[in-house]
PDB file of N, CA and C in Angstrom:
ATOM      1  N   UNK A   1      85.826 116.106  51.630  1.00  0.00           N
ATOM      2  CA  UNK A   1      84.586 116.834  51.588  1.00  0.00           C
ATOM      3  C   UNK A   1      83.641 116.407  52.980  1.00  0.00           C
ATOM      4  N   UNK A   2      84.670 117.139  54.665  1.00  0.00           N
ATOM      5  CA  UNK A   2      84.163 116.661  55.565  1.00  0.00           C
ATOM      6  C   UNK A   2      82.741 117.311  55.892  1.00  0.00           C
ATOM      7  N   UNK A   3      81.912 116.736  55.369  1.00  0.00           N
ATOM      8  CA  UNK A   3      80.030 117.488  55.677  1.00  0.00           C
ATOM      9  C   UNK A   3      79.603 116.968  57.152  1.00  0.00           C
ATOM     10  N   UNK A   4      80.267 116.439  58.356  1.00  0.00           N
ATOM     11  CA  UNK A   4      79.996 116.120  59.470  1.00  0.00           C
ATOM     12  C   UNK A   4      80.624 117.513  60.577  1.00  0.00           C
ATOM     13  N   UNK A   5      80.777 118.456  60.285  1.00  0.00           N
ATOM     14  CA  UNK A   5      81.237 119.012  61.145  1.00  0.00           C
ATOM     15  C   UNK A   5      80.325 119.993  61.792  1.00  0.00           C
ATOM     16  N   UNK A   6      80.724 120.482  63.022  1.00  0.00           N
ATOM     17  CA  UNK A   6      79.451 121.191  63.634  1.00  0.00           C
ATOM     18  C   UNK A   6      79.849 122.517  63.894  1.00  0.00           C
ATOM     19  N   UNK A   7      78.662 123.199  63.388  1.00  0.00           N
ATOM     20  CA  UNK A   7      79.230 124.649  62.913  1.00  0.00           C
ATOM     21  C   UNK A   7      78.596 125.301  64.356  1.00  0.00           C
ATOM     22  N   UNK A   8      79.420 126.405  64.600  1.00  0.00           N
ATOM     23  CA  UNK A   8      79.627 127.483  65.715  1.00  0.00           C
ATOM     24  C   UNK A   8      78.384 127.605  65.645  1.00  0.00           C
ATOM     25  N   UNK A   9      77.346 127.546  66.726  1.00  0.00           N
ATOM     26  CA  UNK A   9      76.004 127.918  66.737  1.00  0.00           C
ATOM     27  C   UNK A   9      75.508 128.102  68.408  1.00  0.00           C
ATOM     28  N   UNK A  10      74.425 128.037  68.709  1.00  0.00           N
ATOM     29  CA  UNK A  10      74.071 128.259  70.177  1.00  0.00           C
ATOM     30  C   UNK A  10      73.780 126.890  70.572  1.00  0.00           C
ATOM     31  N   UNK A  11      74.600 126.198  71.329  1.00  0.00           N
ATOM     32  CA  UNK A  11      74.436 124.887  72.163  1.00  0.00           C
ATOM     33  C   UNK A  11      72.666 124.440  72.665  1.00  0.00           C
ATOM     34  N   UNK A  12      72.722 123.278  72.684  1.00  0.00           N
ATOM     35  CA  UNK A  12      71.373 122.990  72.916  1.00  0.00           C
ATOM     36  C   UNK A  12      71.001 123.019  74.261  1.00  0.00           C
ATOM     37  N   UNK A  13      72.146 123.253  75.276  1.00  0.00           N
ATOM     38  CA  UNK A  13      71.770 123.007  76.799  1.00  0.00           C
ATOM     39  C   UNK A  13      72.363 124.482  76.858  1.00  0.00           C
ATOM     40  N   UNK A  14      72.692 125.442  76.388  1.00  0.00           N
ATOM     41  CA  UNK A  14      72.603 127.043  76.736  1.00  0.00           C
ATOM     42  C   UNK A  14      74.565 126.789  76.884  1.00  0.00           C
ATOM     43  N   UNK A  15      75.284 126.088  77.001  1.00  0.00           N
ATOM     44  CA  UNK A  15      76.683 126.272  77.711  1.00  0.00           C
ATOM     45  C   UNK A  15      77.371 127.200  77.060  1.00  0.00           C
ATOM     46  N   UNK A  16      78.078 127.371  78.105  1.00  0.00           N
ATOM     47  CA  UNK A  16      79.159 128.335  77.432  1.00  0.00           C
ATOM     48  C   UNK A  16      80.400 128.077  78.202  1.00  0.00           C
ATOM     49  N   UNK A  17      81.802 128.521  77.551  1.00  0.00           N
ATOM     50  CA  UNK A  17      82.929 128.315  77.978  1.00  0.00           C
ATOM     51  C   UNK A  17      83.558 129.702  78.013  1.00  0.00           C
ATOM     52  N   UNK A  18      84.522 129.961  78.838  1.00  0.00           N
ATOM     53  CA  UNK A  18      84.676 131.241  79.566  1.00  0.00           C
ATOM     54  C   UNK A  18      86.021 131.600  78.261  1.00  0.00           C
ATOM     55  N   UNK A  19      86.404 132.255  77.561  1.00  0.00           N
ATOM     56  CA  UNK A  19      88.038 132.090  76.951  1.00  0.00           C
ATOM     57  C   UNK A  19      88.584 133.876  77.852  1.00  0.00           C
ATOM     58  N   UNK A  20      89.484 133.333  77.819  1.00  0.00           N
ATOM     59  CA  UNK A  20      90.813 134.175  78.864  1.00  0.00           C
ATOM     60  C   UNK A  20      90.972 135.437  77.731  1.00  0.00           C
ATOM     61  N   UNK A  21      91.331 136.313  78.673  1.00  0.00           N
ATOM     62  CA  UNK A  21      91.577 137.736  77.934  1.00  0.00           C
ATOM     63  C   UNK A  21      93.010 138.207  78.053  1.00  0.00           C
ATOM     64  N   UNK A  22      94.018 138.533  77.379  1.00  0.00           N
ATOM     65  CA  UNK A  22      95.418 138.673  77.457  1.00  0.00           C
ATOM     66  C   UNK A  22      95.798 139.222  78.579  1.00  0.00           C
ATOM     67  N   UNK A  23      95.112 139.955  79.634  1.00  0.00           N
ATOM     68  CA  UNK A  23      95.527 140.259  80.765  1.00  0.00           C
ATOM     69  C   UNK A  23      94.915 139.032  81.878  1.00  0.00           C
ATOM     70  N   UNK A  24      94.550 137.722  81.241  1.00  0.00           N
ATOM     71  CA  UNK A  24      94.745 136.692  82.317  1.00  0.00           C
ATOM     72  C   UNK A  24      93.164 136.811  83.017  1.00  0.00           C
ATOM     73  N   UNK A  25      92.272 137.923  82.586  1.00  0.00           N
ATOM     74  CA  UNK A  25      90.749 138.138  83.349  1.00  0.00           C
ATOM     75  C   UNK A  25      89.271 137.636  82.253  1.00  0.00           C
ATOM     76  N   UNK A  26      88.443 137.119  83.029  1.00  0.00           N
ATOM     77  CA  UNK A  26      87.752 136.156  81.644  1.00  0.00           C
ATOM     78  C   UNK A  26      86.839 137.863  81.855  1.00  0.00           C
ATOM     79  N   UNK A  27      86.958 138.176  80.182  1.00  0.00           N
ATOM     80  CA  UNK A  27      86.304 139.272  79.525  1.00  0.00           C
ATOM     81  C   UNK A  27      84.892 138.954  79.033  1.00  0.00           C
ATOM     82  N   UNK A  28      84.923 137.894  78.008  1.00  0.00           N
ATOM     83  CA  UNK A  28      83.852 137.295  76.861  1.00  0.00           C
ATOM     84  C   UNK A  28      83.203 136.023  76.844  1.00  0.00           C
ATOM     85  N   UNK A  29      82.360 135.796  76.664  1.00  0.00           N
ATOM     86  CA  UNK A  29      81.891 134.228  76.637  1.00  0.00           C
ATOM     87  C   UNK A  29      81.870 134.100  75.477  1.00  0.00           C
ATOM     88  N   UNK A  30      82.205 132.715  74.748  1.00  0.00           N
ATOM     89  CA  UNK A  30      81.720 132.091  73.814  1.00  0.00           C
ATOM     90  C   UNK A  30      80.840 131.009  73.747  1.00  0.00           C
ATOM     91  N   UNK A  31      79.595 130.948  72.619  1.00  0.00           N
ATOM     92  CA  UNK A  31      79.293 129.511  72.952  1.00  0.00           C
ATOM     93  C   UNK A  31      79.410 128.623  72.495  1.00  0.00           C
ATOM     94  N   UNK A  32      79.512 127.307  72.901  1.00  0.00           N
ATOM     95  CA  UNK A  32      80.436 126.257  72.911  1.00  0.00           C
ATOM     96  C   UNK A  32      79.420 125.469  71.346  1.00  0.00           C
ATOM     97  N   UNK A  33      80.616 125.066  70.671  1.00  0.00           N
ATOM     98  CA  UNK A  33      80.753 124.734  69.585  1.00  0.00           C
ATOM     99  C   UNK A  33      79.303 123.493  69.343  1.00  0.00           C
ATOM    100  N   UNK A  34      78.240 123.355  68.543  1.00  0.00           N
ATOM    101  CA  UNK A  34      77.176 122.365  68.587  1.00  0.00           C
ATOM    102  C   UNK A  34      78.070 121.256  67.580  1.00  0.00           C
ATOM    103  N   UNK A  35      77.847 119.810  68.340  1.00  0.00           N
ATOM    104  CA  UNK A  35      78.333 118.724  68.342  1.00  0.00           C
ATOM    105  C   UNK A  35      77.183 117.775  67.311  1.00  0.00           C
ATOM    106  N   UNK A  36      76.896 118.089  65.962  1.00  0.00           N
ATOM    107  CA  UNK A  36      75.643 117.689  65.389  1.00  0.00           C
ATOM    108  C   UNK A  36      75.997 116.147  65.205  1.00  0.00           C
ATOM    109  N   UNK A  37      74.707 115.172  65.655  1.00  0.00           N
ATOM    110  CA  UNK A  37      74.884 113.781  65.510  1.00  0.00           C
ATOM    111  C   UNK A  37      74.930 113.689  63.548  1.00  0.00           C
ATOM    112  N   UNK A  38      75.749 112.294  63.759  1.00  0.00           N
ATOM    113  CA  UNK A  38      75.293 111.747  62.002  1.00  0.00           C
ATOM    114  C   UNK A  38      74.118 111.862  61.392  1.00  0.00           C
ATOM    115  N   UNK A  39      73.100 111.517  62.285  1.00  0.00           N
ATOM    116  CA  UNK A  39      71.846 111.624  61.715  1.00  0.00           C
ATOM    117  C   UNK A  39      71.284 112.990  61.951  1.00  0.00           C
ATOM    118  N   UNK A  40      71.403 113.875  62.426  1.00  0.00           N
ATOM    119  CA  UNK A  40      70.937 115.263  62.419  1.00  0.00           C
ATOM    120  C   UNK A  40      71.891 115.480  61.052  1.00  0.00           C
ATOM    121  N   UNK A  41      72.950 115.485  60.898  1.00  0.00           N
ATOM    122  CA  UNK A  41      73.845 115.924  59.741  1.00  0.00           C
ATOM    123  C   UNK A  41      72.823 115.146  58.609  1.00  0.00           C
ATOM    124  N   UNK A  42      73.060 114.007  58.368  1.00  0.00           N
ATOM    125  CA  UNK A  42      72.349 113.405  56.839  1.00  0.00           C
ATOM    126  C   UNK A  42      71.046 114.635  57.277  1.00  0.00           C
ATOM    127  N   UNK A  43      70.210 114.293  57.909  1.00  0.00           N
ATOM    128  CA  UNK A  43      68.920 114.526  57.703  1.00  0.00           C
ATOM    129  C   UNK A  43      68.804 116.242  57.008  1.00  0.00           C
ATOM    130  N   UNK A  44      69.651 117.130  57.848  1.00  0.00           N
ATOM    131  CA  UNK A  44      70.049 118.235  57.135  1.00  0.00           C
ATOM    132  C   UNK A  44      70.618 118.361  55.799  1.00  0.00           C
ATOM    133  N   UNK A  45      71.986 117.345  55.567  1.00  0.00           N
ATOM    134  CA  UNK A  45      72.015 117.303  53.564  1.00  0.00           C
ATOM    135  C   UNK A  45      70.851 117.089  52.721  1.00  0.00           C
ATOM    136  N   UNK A  46      69.885 116.104  53.366  1.00  0.00           N
ATOM    137  CA  UNK A  46      68.921 115.834  52.695  1.00  0.00           C
ATOM    138  C   UNK A  46      68.008 116.887  52.216  1.00  0.00           C
ATOM    139  N   UNK A  47      67.231 118.084  53.655  1.00  0.00           N
ATOM    140  CA  UNK A  47      67.003 118.946  53.309  1.00  0.00           C
ATOM    141  C   UNK A  47      67.364 119.799  52.560  1.00  0.00           C
ATOM    142  N   UNK A  48      68.601 120.087  52.924  1.00  0.00           N
ATOM    143  CA  UNK A  48      69.463 120.858  52.065  1.00  0.00           C
ATOM    144  C   UNK A  48      69.814 120.809  50.777  1.00  0.00           C
ATOM    145  N   UNK A  49      69.546 119.336  50.315  1.00  0.00           N
ATOM    146  CA  UNK A  49      69.417 119.290  48.563  1.00  0.00           C
ATOM    147  C   UNK A  49      68.391 119.524  47.929  1.00  0.00           C
ATOM    148  N   UNK A  50      67.241 119.379  48.896  1.00  0.00           N
ATOM    149  CA  UNK A  50      65.698 119.340  48.059  1.00  0.00           C
ATOM    150  C   UNK A  50      65.664 121.084  48.125  1.00  0.00           C
ATOM    151  N   UNK A  51      65.730 121.622  49.210  1.00  0.00           N
ATOM    152  CA  UNK A  51      65.930 123.420  49.168  1.00  0.00           C
ATOM    153  C   UNK A  51      66.863 124.056  49.849  1.00  0.00           C
ATOM    154  N   UNK A  52      67.693 125.112  49.379  1.00  0.00           N
ATOM    155  CA  UNK A  52      68.698 125.872  49.934  1.00  0.00           C
ATOM    156  C   UNK A  52      68.308 126.541  50.943  1.00  0.00           C
ATOM    157  N   UNK A  53      66.806 127.517  51.011  1.00  0.00           N
ATOM    158  CA  UNK A  53      66.668 128.008  51.823  1.00  0.00           C
ATOM    159  C   UNK A  53      64.951 127.801  52.331  1.00  0.00           C
ATOM    160  N   UNK A  54      64.961 127.460  53.667  1.00  0.00           N
ATOM    161  CA  UNK A  54      64.216 127.220  54.346  1.00  0.00           C
ATOM    162  C   UNK A  54      62.810 128.383  55.129  1.00  0.00           C
ATOM    163  N   UNK A  55      61.772 128.192  54.963  1.00  0.00           N
ATOM    164  CA  UNK A  55      60.701 129.626  55.460  1.00  0.00           C
ATOM    165  C   UNK A  55      60.586 128.707  57.226  1.00  0.00           C
ATOM    166  N   UNK A  56      60.134 129.673  57.746  1.00  0.00           N
ATOM    167  CA  UNK A  56      59.781 130.036  59.091  1.00  0.00           C
ATOM    168  C   UNK A  56      59.515 128.797  59.740  1.00  0.00           C
ATOM    169  N   UNK A  57      58.240 128.518  59.189  1.00  0.00           N
ATOM    170  CA  UNK A  57      57.247 127.035  59.278  1.00  0.00           C
ATOM    171  C   UNK A  57      58.043 125.944  59.058  1.00  0.00           C
ATOM    172  N   UNK A  58      58.748 125.621  57.966  1.00  0.00           N
ATOM    173  CA  UNK A  58      59.767 124.323  57.920  1.00  0.00           C
ATOM    174  C   UNK A  58      60.799 124.516  58.599  1.00  0.00           C
ATOM    175  N   UNK A  59      61.279 125.532  59.182  1.00  0.00           N
ATOM    176  CA  UNK A  59      62.522 125.522  60.009  1.00  0.00           C
ATOM    177  C   UNK A  59      62.359 125.396  60.950  1.00  0.00           C
ATOM    178  N   UNK A  60      60.941 125.743  61.527  1.00  0.00           N
ATOM    179  CA  UNK A  60      60.418 125.271  63.161  1.00  0.00           C
ATOM    180  C   UNK A  60      60.458 123.807  63.160  1.00  0.00           C
ATOM    181  N   UNK A  61      59.624 122.988  61.996  1.00  0.00           N
ATOM    182  CA  UNK A  61      59.217 121.635  61.888  1.00  0.00           C
ATOM    183  C   UNK A  61      60.446 120.883  61.992  1.00  0.00           C
ATOM    184  N   UNK A  62      61.679 121.194  61.210  1.00  0.00           N
ATOM    185  CA  UNK A  62      62.915 120.821  61.348  1.00  0.00           C
ATOM    186  C   UNK A  62      63.612 120.772  62.543  1.00  0.00           C
ATOM    187  N   UNK A  63      63.244 121.614  63.011  1.00  0.00           N
ATOM    188  CA  UNK A  63      64.325 122.171  64.436  1.00  0.00           C
ATOM    189  C   UNK A  63      63.198 121.274  65.319  1.00  0.00           C
ATOM    190  N   UNK A  64      62.292 121.068  65.659  1.00  0.00           N
ATOM    191  CA  UNK A  64      61.540 119.896  66.536  1.00  0.00           C
ATOM    192  C   UNK A  64      61.922 118.463  66.241  1.00  0.00           C
ATOM    193  N   UNK A  65      61.436 118.479  64.818  1.00  0.00           N
ATOM    194  CA  UNK A  65      62.077 116.899  64.991  1.00  0.00           C
ATOM    195  C   UNK A  65      63.456 116.396  64.954  1.00  0.00           C
ATOM    196  N   UNK A  66      64.416 117.402  64.820  1.00  0.00           N
ATOM    197  CA  UNK A  66      66.134 116.934  65.328  1.00  0.00           C
ATOM    198  C   UNK A  66      66.208 117.426  66.574  1.00  0.00           C
ATOM    199  N   UNK A  67      65.222 117.717  67.315  1.00  0.00           N
ATOM    200  CA  UNK A  67      65.792 118.676  68.936  1.00  0.00           C
ATOM    201  C   UNK A  67      66.645 119.396  68.558  1.00  0.00           C
ATOM    202  N   UNK A  68      67.053 120.648  68.035  1.00  0.00           N
ATOM    203  CA  UNK A  68      67.667 121.586  68.165  1.00  0.00           C
ATOM    204  C   UNK A  68      66.813 122.416  67.828  1.00  0.00           C
ATOM    205  N   UNK A  69      67.967 124.108  68.059  1.00  0.00           N
ATOM    206  CA  UNK A  69      67.030 125.277  68.242  1.00  0.00           C
ATOM    207  C   UNK A  69      66.735 125.946  66.703  1.00  0.00           C
ATOM    208  N   UNK A  70      65.594 126.510  66.605  1.00  0.00           N
ATOM    209  CA  UNK A  70      65.405 126.787  65.026  1.00  0.00           C
ATOM    210  C   UNK A  70      66.502 127.598  64.697  1.00  0.00           C
ATOM    211  N   UNK A  71      67.785 128.473  65.996  1.00  0.00           N
ATOM    212  CA  UNK A  71      68.822 129.494  65.553  1.00  0.00           C
ATOM    213  C   UNK A  71      69.512 128.327  64.876  1.00  0.00           C
ATOM    214  N   UNK A  72      69.853 127.129  65.420  1.00  0.00           N
ATOM    215  CA  UNK A  72      71.029 126.180  64.625  1.00  0.00           C
ATOM    216  C   UNK A  72      70.779 125.685  63.585  1.00  0.00           C
ATOM    217  N   UNK A  73      69.493 125.343  63.167  1.00  0.00           N
ATOM    218  CA  UNK A  73      69.138 125.233  62.023  1.00  0.00           C
ATOM    219  C   UNK A  73      69.112 126.003  61.078  1.00  0.00           C
ATOM    220  N   UNK A  74      68.759 127.587  61.181  1.00  0.00           N
ATOM    221  CA  UNK A  74      69.294 129.085  60.181  1.00  0.00           C
ATOM    222  C   UNK A  74      70.870 128.603  60.313  1.00  0.00           C
ATOM    223  N   UNK A  75      71.292 128.862  61.129  1.00  0.00           N
ATOM    224  CA  UNK A  75      73.201 129.096  60.933  1.00  0.00           C
ATOM    225  C   UNK A  75      73.604 127.474  60.108  1.00  0.00           C
ATOM    226  N   UNK A  76      73.127 126.435  60.664  1.00  0.00           N
ATOM    227  CA  UNK A  76      73.493 125.582  59.575  1.00  0.00           C
ATOM    228  C   UNK A  76      73.554 126.001  58.469  1.00  0.00           C
ATOM    229  N   UNK A  77      72.010 126.049  57.560  1.00  0.00           N
ATOM    230  CA  UNK A  77      71.716 126.097  56.777  1.00  0.00           C
ATOM    231  C   UNK A  77      72.879 127.443  56.121  1.00  0.00           C
ATOM    232  N   UNK A  78      72.621 128.726  56.526  1.00  0.00           N
ATOM    233  CA  UNK A  78      73.405 129.684  56.069  1.00  0.00           C
ATOM    234  C   UNK A  78      75.055 128.989  56.012  1.00  0.00           C
ATOM    235  N   UNK A  79      75.404 128.364  56.975  1.00  0.00           N
ATOM    236  CA  UNK A  79      77.147 127.700  56.902  1.00  0.00           C
ATOM    237  C   UNK A  79      76.839 126.640  55.334  1.00  0.00           C
ATOM    238  N   UNK A  80      76.017 126.271  55.639  1.00  0.00           N
ATOM    239  CA  UNK A  80      76.220 125.444  54.143  1.00  0.00           C
ATOM    240  C   UNK A  80      76.363 125.731  53.029  1.00  0.00           C
ATOM    241  N   UNK A  81      75.020 127.118  52.654  1.00  0.00           N
ATOM    242  CA  UNK A  81      75.300 127.682  51.906  1.00  0.00           C
ATOM    243  C   UNK A  81      76.590 128.376  51.100  1.00  0.00           C
ATOM    244  N   UNK A  82      77.295 128.797  52.431  1.00  0.00           N
ATOM    245  CA  UNK A  82      78.281 129.707  51.941  1.00  0.00           C
ATOM    246  C   UNK A  82      79.478 128.347  52.080  1.00  0.00           C
ATOM    247  N   UNK A  83      79.157 127.044  52.275  1.00  0.00           N
ATOM    248  CA  UNK A  83      79.991 126.189  52.171  1.00  0.00           C
ATOM    249  C   UNK A  83      79.941 125.578  50.422  1.00  0.00           C
ATOM    250  N   UNK A  84      78.630 125.746  49.763  1.00  0.00           N
ATOM    251  CA  UNK A  84      78.621 125.275  48.578  1.00  0.00           C
ATOM    252  C   UNK A  84      79.002 126.452  47.818  1.00  0.00           C
ATOM    253  N   UNK A  85      78.838 127.724  48.015  1.00  0.00           N
ATOM    254  CA  UNK A  85      79.553 129.155  47.638  1.00  0.00           C
ATOM    255  C   UNK A  85      81.137 128.438  46.896  1.00  0.00           C
ATOM    256  N   UNK A  86      81.681 128.557  48.223  1.00  0.00           N
ATOM    257  CA  UNK A  86      83.305 128.142  48.526  1.00  0.00           C
ATOM    258  C   UNK A  86      83.579 126.785  47.243  1.00  0.00           C
ATOM    259  N   UNK A  87      82.974 126.145  47.198  1.00  0.00           N
ATOM    260  CA  UNK A  87      83.066 124.816  46.273  1.00  0.00           C
ATOM    261  C   UNK A  87      83.345 125.530  45.037  1.00  0.00           C
ATOM    262  N   UNK A  88      81.980 126.010  44.625  1.00  0.00           N
ATOM    263  CA  UNK A  88      81.703 126.374  43.409  1.00  0.00           C
ATOM    264  C   UNK A  88      82.832 127.782  43.005  1.00  0.00           C
TER     265      UNK A  88
END
């Protein structure tokens, strides 16, 4: 059970990588995969154990304390709930 993987979400720096289309032209941009630090994952997991859903104010506070965007927190929690659902 590898819980330290970074989920696809908005990167902190807003970096984007180009994806080449079959014709060799660059058509669409994909967001870079967020690499969460072990400290961030640990804090996210502890919060998740206490509550599976975060309100807007809780998400804002957690995002600020972990130096992540609210979208990254929201996405992480969505992915973590899906992981829990698959395990059950």
